[in-house]
Structure formats: structure tokens, C-alpha cells
Amino acid sequence: MHPTSQLNTGTGTTILAVAQDKLTQFIQTLTDSGVAFQTKIQDLSQLFLSPLTYDMTRRLPRGDATFDRYMYYQEIVSYIEGLSSRYSNKVQVDKIGQSVEGRPIYLITINKKTKTRKVDKPVIFIEAGAHAREWVSPASALYLVERLLESPSLLRNAEWRVVPLLNPDGYVYSWNHDRLWRKNRAPSSVPECFGVDLNRNFDFYWGGVQASMDPCSDLYQGSNPFSEPETRANN
């Protein structure tokens, strides 16, 4: 929840979005400074929602995909699990791990090198959906998969490996509870704070610029590199 406040600064009006965990301190600072303000929007995440997003009557047939709207988690899973049977000569789907809450993490391999195809070719790896609120990320990865399977010329000289949704728990949470949720859903040393920023949990530059050791931060890097099952699955 990110409230939006409108401030009267004396020289005009300023509209600010304030993170929920900073709101109390922010309001106190304004009050102490004698700055008049009013809350315009209590939950900024509502601005990101559309009727298409939650139209439960538009569920897809099992195994189908749509790119006219964002897909529910179960629709994504259904589409991924149906790929290997629909394209048995091109696609291999593997479960490479599971999330904190036990949801599978999938790897889609297209045009995999086999014993009968020994020609060396580059491997193109794509990972999506590390940040839960960025729904366009898994949508883009699945759109790429769909286009690759419809364009044989793109498959000729490369093996494609796609992890379309690295953070399934966060994705579900961003649909059902907090549209702007970013992290996974791992518990932390602070009882009221959950989640690790998976993008900052790999050992490459772990603890670098913009990472945080604060479990309540959106940029929390975790207790150590690869502390999360999602990043270990992708290792």
C-alpha cells in the first residue's frame, strides 16, 4: 500500500507517493513542520488494476495462453505444463526447484541439443518474474516462448532456456494482497517483515550497490548468497 499525499507548500501543491513503512514518520515530519496535507489516494496500487485483471469469467481453457491481459498464476502453470505435449519434438519442461511456499519453478528448454544432434550451438538463457509486481516480465517471457515455437527459423542455431516465473509466491501475493509486492515470501528475523529481493540474492555482486541488509526493505538481499530456494533453483 502506497498512499499518495497532496501537500500545500505555500508556493504550490506537491503530490508525493509514500511507502507504507515510511508513512508514520513522514506524517510526523509534516506535522512538526506545520505543513498542511491531505491524503488523495490511500492505496496507490489500485491505479494499476483494470477490469480485465480480475475478470474471473475470462478464465482460459486449460493449456491456452493469452496476451490480451495478464494471466493468473494457475493459467501460467497450465500453459507451461502443456507445452511438452503440444510440442514434444521441440520443448522440454523441467521443474528445477520450488518456492518457499512450495510452488514449482519451471525451466522451458526449446530446441535442446540431444545425442543425435551433436552440433555445438549457443545457449540463450532468459529468466523472468523475479520481482513479483512486474507482471509484464513473465508475460514477456511466455510471449517469447510462443513466438519461438511459431518461428522455426529462430530455433535453428540456438538452444533457448526460459525460466518464466522465478518468484511464483510473490506473483500470487501481488494478485491477492499487495499489487506492489516485490520480494518472495520468505519469513525473516523480523516477524512482521517478509521476503527477499531475489534479484539481489545471487552471489554475483551480492551485497553490492542498492542492496540492503534490512529484512523490511524492498531491496533486502537475504542473509547470505543463494539463501532462497528460488535463486538456488536457478543456479
C-alpha atoms as a PDB file:
ATOM      1  CA  MET A   1       0.000   0.000   0.000  1.00  0.00           C
ATOM      2  CA  HIS A   2       1.483   3.300  -1.076  1.00  0.00           C
ATOM      3  CA  PRO A   3      -0.665   6.315  -0.058  1.00  0.00           C
ATOM      4  CA  THR A   4      -0.435   9.482  -2.109  1.00  0.00           C
ATOM      5  CA  SER A   5      -0.416  12.773  -0.211  1.00  0.00           C
ATOM      6  CA  GLN A   6      -1.032  16.270  -1.525  1.00  0.00           C
ATOM      7  CA  LEU A   7       0.990  18.978   0.246  1.00  0.00           C
ATOM      8  CA  ASN A   8       0.335  22.711   0.382  1.00  0.00           C
ATOM      9  CA  THR A   9       3.871  24.129   0.340  1.00  0.00           C
ATOM     10  CA  GLY A  10       2.897  27.784   0.199  1.00  0.00           C
ATOM     11  CA  THR A  11       4.167  28.184  -3.345  1.00  0.00           C
ATOM     12  CA  GLY A  12       2.009  25.489  -4.896  1.00  0.00           C
ATOM     13  CA  THR A  13       0.840  21.925  -4.460  1.00  0.00           C
ATOM     14  CA  THR A  14       3.133  18.890  -4.400  1.00  0.00           C
ATOM     15  CA  ILE A  15       1.848  15.337  -4.778  1.00  0.00           C
ATOM     16  CA  LEU A  16       4.010  12.573  -3.292  1.00  0.00           C
ATOM     17  CA  ALA A  17       3.769   8.790  -3.121  1.00  0.00           C
ATOM     18  CA  VAL A  18       4.943   7.488   0.241  1.00  0.00           C
ATOM     19  CA  ALA A  19       5.939   3.915   1.063  1.00  0.00           C
ATOM     20  CA  GLN A  20       3.731   2.353   3.712  1.00  0.00           C
ATOM     21  CA  ASP A  21       6.621   1.701   6.099  1.00  0.00           C
ATOM     22  CA  LYS A  22       7.669   5.360   5.908  1.00  0.00           C
ATOM     23  CA  LEU A  23       4.200   6.854   6.233  1.00  0.00           C
ATOM     24  CA  THR A  24       4.061   7.374  10.009  1.00  0.00           C
ATOM     25  CA  GLN A  25       7.444   9.102  10.095  1.00  0.00           C
ATOM     26  CA  PHE A  26       6.545  11.172   7.026  1.00  0.00           C
ATOM     27  CA  ILE A  27       3.274  12.420   8.535  1.00  0.00           C
ATOM     28  CA  GLN A  28       5.016  13.264  11.795  1.00  0.00           C
ATOM     29  CA  THR A  29       7.655  15.292   9.938  1.00  0.00           C
ATOM     30  CA  LEU A  30       4.984  17.250   8.080  1.00  0.00           C
ATOM     31  CA  THR A  31       3.041  17.872  11.270  1.00  0.00           C
ATOM     32  CA  ASP A  32       6.127  19.043  13.163  1.00  0.00           C
ATOM     33  CA  SER A  33       6.987  21.368  10.267  1.00  0.00           C
ATOM     34  CA  GLY A  34       3.495  22.851  10.089  1.00  0.00           C
ATOM     35  CA  VAL A  35       2.933  21.687   6.508  1.00  0.00           C
ATOM     36  CA  ALA A  36      -0.725  21.203   5.591  1.00  0.00           C
ATOM     37  CA  PHE A  37      -1.505  17.981   3.740  1.00  0.00           C
ATOM     38  CA  GLN A  38      -4.299  15.620   2.781  1.00  0.00           C
ATOM     39  CA  THR A  39      -4.381  12.031   1.572  1.00  0.00           C
ATOM     40  CA  LYS A  40      -5.556  11.800  -2.034  1.00  0.00           C
ATOM     41  CA  ILE A  41      -5.253   8.046  -2.582  1.00  0.00           C
ATOM     42  CA  GLN A  42      -4.960   5.578   0.283  1.00  0.00           C
ATOM     43  CA  ASP A  43      -3.657   2.702  -1.836  1.00  0.00           C
ATOM     44  CA  LEU A  44      -1.719   3.685  -4.959  1.00  0.00           C
ATOM     45  CA  SER A  45      -1.700   0.092  -6.179  1.00  0.00           C
ATOM     46  CA  GLN A  46      -5.362   0.425  -7.127  1.00  0.00           C
ATOM     47  CA  LEU A  47      -4.302   2.646 -10.026  1.00  0.00           C
ATOM     48  CA  PHE A  48      -2.556  -0.352 -11.597  1.00  0.00           C
ATOM     49  CA  LEU A  49      -5.637  -2.527 -11.677  1.00  0.00           C
ATOM     50  CA  SER A  50      -8.069  -2.807 -14.584  1.00  0.00           C
ATOM     51  CA  PRO A  51     -11.342  -4.659 -15.127  1.00  0.00           C
ATOM     52  CA  LEU A  52      -9.514  -7.172 -17.335  1.00  0.00           C
ATOM     53  CA  THR A  53      -7.171  -8.093 -14.490  1.00  0.00           C
ATOM     54  CA  TYR A  54      -9.789  -9.540 -12.197  1.00  0.00           C
ATOM     55  CA  ASP A  55     -12.455 -10.653 -14.647  1.00  0.00           C
ATOM     56  CA  MET A  56     -12.858 -14.167 -13.299  1.00  0.00           C
ATOM     57  CA  THR A  57     -15.277 -15.057 -16.110  1.00  0.00           C
ATOM     58  CA  ARG A  58     -12.470 -14.888 -18.666  1.00  0.00           C
ATOM     59  CA  ARG A  59     -10.578 -17.955 -17.498  1.00  0.00           C
ATOM     60  CA  LEU A  60      -8.676 -19.638 -20.302  1.00  0.00           C
ATOM     61  CA  PRO A  61      -9.156 -23.221 -21.455  1.00  0.00           C
ATOM     62  CA  ARG A  62      -6.516 -25.453 -19.890  1.00  0.00           C
ATOM     63  CA  GLY A  63      -3.162 -25.143 -21.644  1.00  0.00           C
ATOM     64  CA  ASP A  64      -4.019 -21.959 -23.543  1.00  0.00           C
ATOM     65  CA  ALA A  65      -2.313 -18.587 -23.220  1.00  0.00           C
ATOM     66  CA  THR A  66      -3.459 -15.036 -23.814  1.00  0.00           C
ATOM     67  CA  PHE A  67      -1.508 -11.820 -24.222  1.00  0.00           C
ATOM     68  CA  ASP A  68      -4.538  -9.556 -24.179  1.00  0.00           C
ATOM     69  CA  ARG A  69      -4.335  -9.437 -20.387  1.00  0.00           C
ATOM     70  CA  TYR A  70      -2.076 -10.667 -17.601  1.00  0.00           C
ATOM     71  CA  MET A  71      -2.559 -14.329 -16.789  1.00  0.00           C
ATOM     72  CA  TYR A  72      -3.447 -15.744 -13.392  1.00  0.00           C
ATOM     73  CA  TYR A  73      -0.830 -17.956 -11.782  1.00  0.00           C
ATOM     74  CA  GLN A  74      -2.765 -21.164 -12.485  1.00  0.00           C
ATOM     75  CA  GLU A  75      -3.190 -20.168 -16.132  1.00  0.00           C
ATOM     76  CA  ILE A  76       0.574 -19.703 -16.422  1.00  0.00           C
ATOM     77  CA  VAL A  77       1.208 -23.118 -14.853  1.00  0.00           C
ATOM     78  CA  SER A  78      -1.373 -24.782 -17.107  1.00  0.00           C
ATOM     79  CA  TYR A  79       0.194 -23.282 -20.209  1.00  0.00           C
ATOM     80  CA  ILE A  80       3.741 -24.263 -19.211  1.00  0.00           C
ATOM     81  CA  GLU A  81       2.794 -27.827 -18.263  1.00  0.00           C
ATOM     82  CA  GLY A  82       1.040 -28.329 -21.592  1.00  0.00           C
ATOM     83  CA  LEU A  83       3.957 -27.230 -23.761  1.00  0.00           C
ATOM     84  CA  SER A  84       5.890 -30.505 -23.788  1.00  0.00           C
ATOM     85  CA  SER A  85       2.880 -32.488 -25.012  1.00  0.00           C
ATOM     86  CA  ARG A  86       1.907 -29.889 -27.621  1.00  0.00           C
ATOM     87  CA  TYR A  87       5.466 -29.557 -28.922  1.00  0.00           C
ATOM     88  CA  SER A  88       7.044 -32.872 -27.969  1.00  0.00           C
ATOM     89  CA  ASN A  89       9.733 -32.597 -30.641  1.00  0.00           C
ATOM     90  CA  LYS A  90      10.794 -29.092 -29.633  1.00  0.00           C
ATOM     91  CA  VAL A  91      10.109 -28.475 -25.944  1.00  0.00           C
ATOM     92  CA  GLN A  92      11.240 -29.949 -22.653  1.00  0.00           C
ATOM     93  CA  VAL A  93       9.703 -28.681 -19.407  1.00  0.00           C
ATOM     94  CA  ASP A  94      11.515 -29.368 -16.121  1.00  0.00           C
ATOM     95  CA  LYS A  95      10.783 -28.478 -12.522  1.00  0.00           C
ATOM     96  CA  ILE A  96      14.122 -27.139 -11.327  1.00  0.00           C
ATOM     97  CA  GLY A  97      13.022 -26.358  -7.777  1.00  0.00           C
ATOM     98  CA  GLN A  98      10.236 -24.974  -5.693  1.00  0.00           C
ATOM     99  CA  SER A  99       9.465 -21.726  -3.925  1.00  0.00           C
ATOM    100  CA  VAL A 100       9.332 -21.000  -0.197  1.00  0.00           C
ATOM    101  CA  GLU A 101       5.617 -21.854  -0.204  1.00  0.00           C
ATOM    102  CA  GLY A 102       6.115 -24.986  -2.296  1.00  0.00           C
ATOM    103  CA  ARG A 103       5.147 -23.790  -5.779  1.00  0.00           C
ATOM    104  CA  PRO A 104       7.138 -25.300  -8.670  1.00  0.00           C
ATOM    105  CA  ILE A 105       9.724 -23.307 -10.594  1.00  0.00           C
ATOM    106  CA  TYR A 106       9.822 -24.320 -14.251  1.00  0.00           C
ATOM    107  CA  LEU A 107      12.529 -24.318 -16.887  1.00  0.00           C
ATOM    108  CA  ILE A 108      11.370 -24.401 -20.503  1.00  0.00           C
ATOM    109  CA  THR A 109      14.016 -25.678 -22.921  1.00  0.00           C
ATOM    110  CA  ILE A 110      13.400 -25.227 -26.634  1.00  0.00           C
ATOM    111  CA  ASN A 111      15.435 -26.946 -29.336  1.00  0.00           C
ATOM    112  CA  LYS A 112      17.554 -28.830 -26.819  1.00  0.00           C
ATOM    113  CA  LYS A 113      20.755 -30.429 -28.012  1.00  0.00           C
ATOM    114  CA  THR A 114      20.421 -34.245 -27.990  1.00  0.00           C
ATOM    115  CA  LYS A 115      22.714 -37.193 -28.569  1.00  0.00           C
ATOM    116  CA  THR A 116      21.558 -37.336 -32.160  1.00  0.00           C
ATOM    117  CA  ARG A 117      22.104 -33.578 -32.592  1.00  0.00           C
ATOM    118  CA  LYS A 118      25.703 -33.060 -31.572  1.00  0.00           C
ATOM    119  CA  VAL A 119      26.316 -29.757 -33.308  1.00  0.00           C
ATOM    120  CA  ASP A 120      27.561 -27.157 -30.853  1.00  0.00           C
ATOM    121  CA  LYS A 121      25.253 -24.175 -30.617  1.00  0.00           C
ATOM    122  CA  PRO A 122      24.887 -21.258 -28.226  1.00  0.00           C
ATOM    123  CA  VAL A 123      22.508 -21.410 -25.286  1.00  0.00           C
ATOM    124  CA  ILE A 124      20.311 -18.356 -24.733  1.00  0.00           C
ATOM    125  CA  PHE A 125      19.060 -18.154 -21.146  1.00  0.00           C
ATOM    126  CA  ILE A 126      16.201 -15.903 -20.051  1.00  0.00           C
ATOM    127  CA  GLU A 127      14.896 -15.500 -16.517  1.00  0.00           C
ATOM    128  CA  ALA A 128      11.698 -13.603 -15.730  1.00  0.00           C
ATOM    129  CA  GLY A 129       9.397 -12.854 -12.839  1.00  0.00           C
ATOM    130  CA  ALA A 130      11.973 -12.281 -10.087  1.00  0.00           C
ATOM    131  CA  HIS A 131      10.107  -9.159  -8.940  1.00  0.00           C
ATOM    132  CA  ALA A 132       6.523 -10.088  -8.148  1.00  0.00           C
ATOM    133  CA  ARG A 133       4.827  -6.821  -9.092  1.00  0.00           C
ATOM    134  CA  GLU A 134       6.383  -6.678 -12.570  1.00  0.00           C
ATOM    135  CA  TRP A 135       3.679  -8.769 -14.232  1.00  0.00           C
ATOM    136  CA  VAL A 136       4.896  -7.819 -17.685  1.00  0.00           C
ATOM    137  CA  SER A 137       8.088  -9.825 -17.084  1.00  0.00           C
ATOM    138  CA  PRO A 138       6.601 -13.374 -17.083  1.00  0.00           C
ATOM    139  CA  ALA A 139       4.116 -12.246 -19.738  1.00  0.00           C
ATOM    140  CA  SER A 140       7.005 -11.183 -21.985  1.00  0.00           C
ATOM    141  CA  ALA A 141       8.887 -14.443 -21.374  1.00  0.00           C
ATOM    142  CA  LEU A 142       5.851 -16.534 -22.305  1.00  0.00           C
ATOM    143  CA  TYR A 143       5.183 -14.358 -25.339  1.00  0.00           C
ATOM    144  CA  LEU A 144       8.758 -15.053 -26.461  1.00  0.00           C
ATOM    145  CA  VAL A 145       8.222 -18.793 -25.988  1.00  0.00           C
ATOM    146  CA  GLU A 146       5.064 -18.639 -28.082  1.00  0.00           C
ATOM    147  CA  ARG A 147       6.777 -16.708 -30.879  1.00  0.00           C
ATOM    148  CA  LEU A 148       9.789 -19.046 -30.891  1.00  0.00           C
ATOM    149  CA  LEU A 149       7.555 -22.073 -31.302  1.00  0.00           C
ATOM    150  CA  GLU A 150       5.785 -20.407 -34.209  1.00  0.00           C
ATOM    151  CA  SER A 151       9.034 -19.371 -35.949  1.00  0.00           C
ATOM    152  CA  PRO A 152      11.280 -22.373 -36.701  1.00  0.00           C
ATOM    153  CA  SER A 153      13.935 -20.116 -38.230  1.00  0.00           C
ATOM    154  CA  LEU A 154      14.612 -18.627 -34.759  1.00  0.00           C
ATOM    155  CA  LEU A 155      15.341 -22.088 -33.356  1.00  0.00           C
ATOM    156  CA  ARG A 156      17.779 -23.245 -35.978  1.00  0.00           C
ATOM    157  CA  ASN A 157      21.062 -22.146 -34.421  1.00  0.00           C
ATOM    158  CA  ALA A 158      20.437 -21.888 -30.682  1.00  0.00           C
ATOM    159  CA  GLU A 159      19.092 -23.675 -27.650  1.00  0.00           C
ATOM    160  CA  TRP A 160      16.694 -21.496 -25.633  1.00  0.00           C
ATOM    161  CA  ARG A 161      16.231 -21.901 -21.884  1.00  0.00           C
ATOM    162  CA  VAL A 162      13.492 -19.839 -20.233  1.00  0.00           C
ATOM    163  CA  VAL A 163      12.511 -19.572 -16.578  1.00  0.00           C
ATOM    164  CA  PRO A 164       9.247 -17.655 -16.991  1.00  0.00           C
ATOM    165  CA  LEU A 165       8.352 -17.167 -13.318  1.00  0.00           C
ATOM    166  CA  LEU A 166      11.139 -17.298 -10.751  1.00  0.00           C
ATOM    167  CA  ASN A 167       9.013 -15.860  -7.946  1.00  0.00           C
ATOM    168  CA  PRO A 168       5.620 -17.617  -8.025  1.00  0.00           C
ATOM    169  CA  ASP A 169       4.800 -16.903  -4.361  1.00  0.00           C
ATOM    170  CA  GLY A 170       5.346 -13.183  -4.798  1.00  0.00           C
ATOM    171  CA  TYR A 171       3.354 -13.184  -8.034  1.00  0.00           C
ATOM    172  CA  VAL A 172       0.354 -14.771  -6.319  1.00  0.00           C
ATOM    173  CA  TYR A 173       0.697 -12.391  -3.356  1.00  0.00           C
ATOM    174  CA  SER A 174       0.758  -9.385  -5.697  1.00  0.00           C
ATOM    175  CA  TRP A 175      -2.589 -10.527  -7.143  1.00  0.00           C
ATOM    176  CA  ASN A 176      -4.323 -11.396  -3.879  1.00  0.00           C
ATOM    177  CA  HIS A 177      -2.910  -8.993  -1.274  1.00  0.00           C
ATOM    178  CA  ASP A 178      -0.498  -6.254  -2.360  1.00  0.00           C
ATOM    179  CA  ARG A 179      -0.280  -5.224  -6.030  1.00  0.00           C
ATOM    180  CA  LEU A 180       3.121  -3.583  -5.447  1.00  0.00           C
ATOM    181  CA  TRP A 181       4.734  -6.525  -3.628  1.00  0.00           C
ATOM    182  CA  ARG A 182       8.266  -7.090  -4.946  1.00  0.00           C
ATOM    183  CA  LYS A 183      10.063  -9.837  -2.987  1.00  0.00           C
ATOM    184  CA  ASN A 184       9.493 -13.533  -2.397  1.00  0.00           C
ATOM    185  CA  ARG A 185       7.553 -14.591   0.704  1.00  0.00           C
ATOM    186  CA  ALA A 186      10.289 -15.938   2.959  1.00  0.00           C
ATOM    187  CA  PRO A 187       9.959 -15.196   6.686  1.00  0.00           C
ATOM    188  CA  SER A 188      12.769 -13.158   8.233  1.00  0.00           C
ATOM    189  CA  SER A 189      14.320 -12.402  11.602  1.00  0.00           C
ATOM    190  CA  VAL A 190      11.793  -9.574  11.942  1.00  0.00           C
ATOM    191  CA  PRO A 191       8.382 -11.245  12.487  1.00  0.00           C
ATOM    192  CA  GLU A 192       6.359  -8.615  10.635  1.00  0.00           C
ATOM    193  CA  CYS A 193       8.713  -8.406   7.631  1.00  0.00           C
ATOM    194  CA  PHE A 194       8.722 -10.974   4.844  1.00  0.00           C
ATOM    195  CA  GLY A 195      10.623 -11.540   1.656  1.00  0.00           C
ATOM    196  CA  VAL A 196      13.987 -11.328  -0.073  1.00  0.00           C
ATOM    197  CA  ASP A 197      14.714  -9.387  -3.252  1.00  0.00           C
ATOM    198  CA  LEU A 198      15.634 -12.359  -5.428  1.00  0.00           C
ATOM    199  CA  ASN A 199      17.418 -10.142  -7.916  1.00  0.00           C
ATOM    200  CA  ARG A 200      19.925  -9.324  -5.172  1.00  0.00           C
ATOM    201  CA  ASN A 201      20.274 -12.803  -3.689  1.00  0.00           C
ATOM    202  CA  PHE A 202      22.716 -14.281  -6.225  1.00  0.00           C
ATOM    203  CA  ASP A 203      26.385 -14.496  -5.252  1.00  0.00           C
ATOM    204  CA  PHE A 204      27.445 -12.259  -8.151  1.00  0.00           C
ATOM    205  CA  TYR A 205      27.909  -8.820  -6.575  1.00  0.00           C
ATOM    206  CA  TRP A 206      25.929  -9.921  -3.519  1.00  0.00           C
ATOM    207  CA  GLY A 207      25.748  -7.055  -1.049  1.00  0.00           C
ATOM    208  CA  GLY A 208      26.573  -4.506  -3.732  1.00  0.00           C
ATOM    209  CA  VAL A 209      25.106  -1.144  -4.627  1.00  0.00           C
ATOM    210  CA  GLN A 210      21.438  -0.644  -3.651  1.00  0.00           C
ATOM    211  CA  ALA A 211      21.212  -3.925  -1.749  1.00  0.00           C
ATOM    212  CA  SER A 212      20.016  -3.827   1.866  1.00  0.00           C
ATOM    213  CA  MET A 213      20.601  -5.919   4.974  1.00  0.00           C
ATOM    214  CA  ASP A 214      17.273  -4.723   6.408  1.00  0.00           C
ATOM    215  CA  PRO A 215      14.659  -7.522   6.173  1.00  0.00           C
ATOM    216  CA  CYS A 216      11.926  -4.884   5.959  1.00  0.00           C
ATOM    217  CA  SER A 217      13.445  -3.245   2.876  1.00  0.00           C
ATOM    218  CA  ASP A 218      12.226  -3.984  -0.655  1.00  0.00           C
ATOM    219  CA  LEU A 219      15.922  -4.381  -1.515  1.00  0.00           C
ATOM    220  CA  TYR A 220      16.724  -6.949   1.187  1.00  0.00           C
ATOM    221  CA  GLN A 221      19.490  -9.177  -0.175  1.00  0.00           C
ATOM    222  CA  GLY A 222      18.911 -12.104   2.189  1.00  0.00           C
ATOM    223  CA  SER A 223      21.079 -13.500   4.957  1.00  0.00           C
ATOM    224  CA  ASN A 224      23.657 -14.842   2.501  1.00  0.00           C
ATOM    225  CA  PRO A 225      24.057 -15.514  -1.246  1.00  0.00           C
ATOM    226  CA  PHE A 226      21.599 -18.120  -2.530  1.00  0.00           C
ATOM    227  CA  SER A 227      19.750 -18.168   0.788  1.00  0.00           C
ATOM    228  CA  GLU A 228      16.470 -18.550  -1.117  1.00  0.00           C
ATOM    229  CA  PRO A 229      15.210 -21.743  -2.791  1.00  0.00           C
ATOM    230  CA  GLU A 230      14.173 -19.719  -5.852  1.00  0.00           C
ATOM    231  CA  THR A 231      17.693 -18.469  -6.584  1.00  0.00           C
ATOM    232  CA  ARG A 232      19.228 -21.856  -5.748  1.00  0.00           C
ATOM    233  CA  ALA A 233      16.902 -23.467  -8.274  1.00  0.00           C
ATOM    234  CA  ASN A 234      18.199 -21.061 -10.891  1.00  0.00           C
ATOM    235  CA  ASN A 235      21.858 -21.614 -10.034  1.00  0.00           C
END
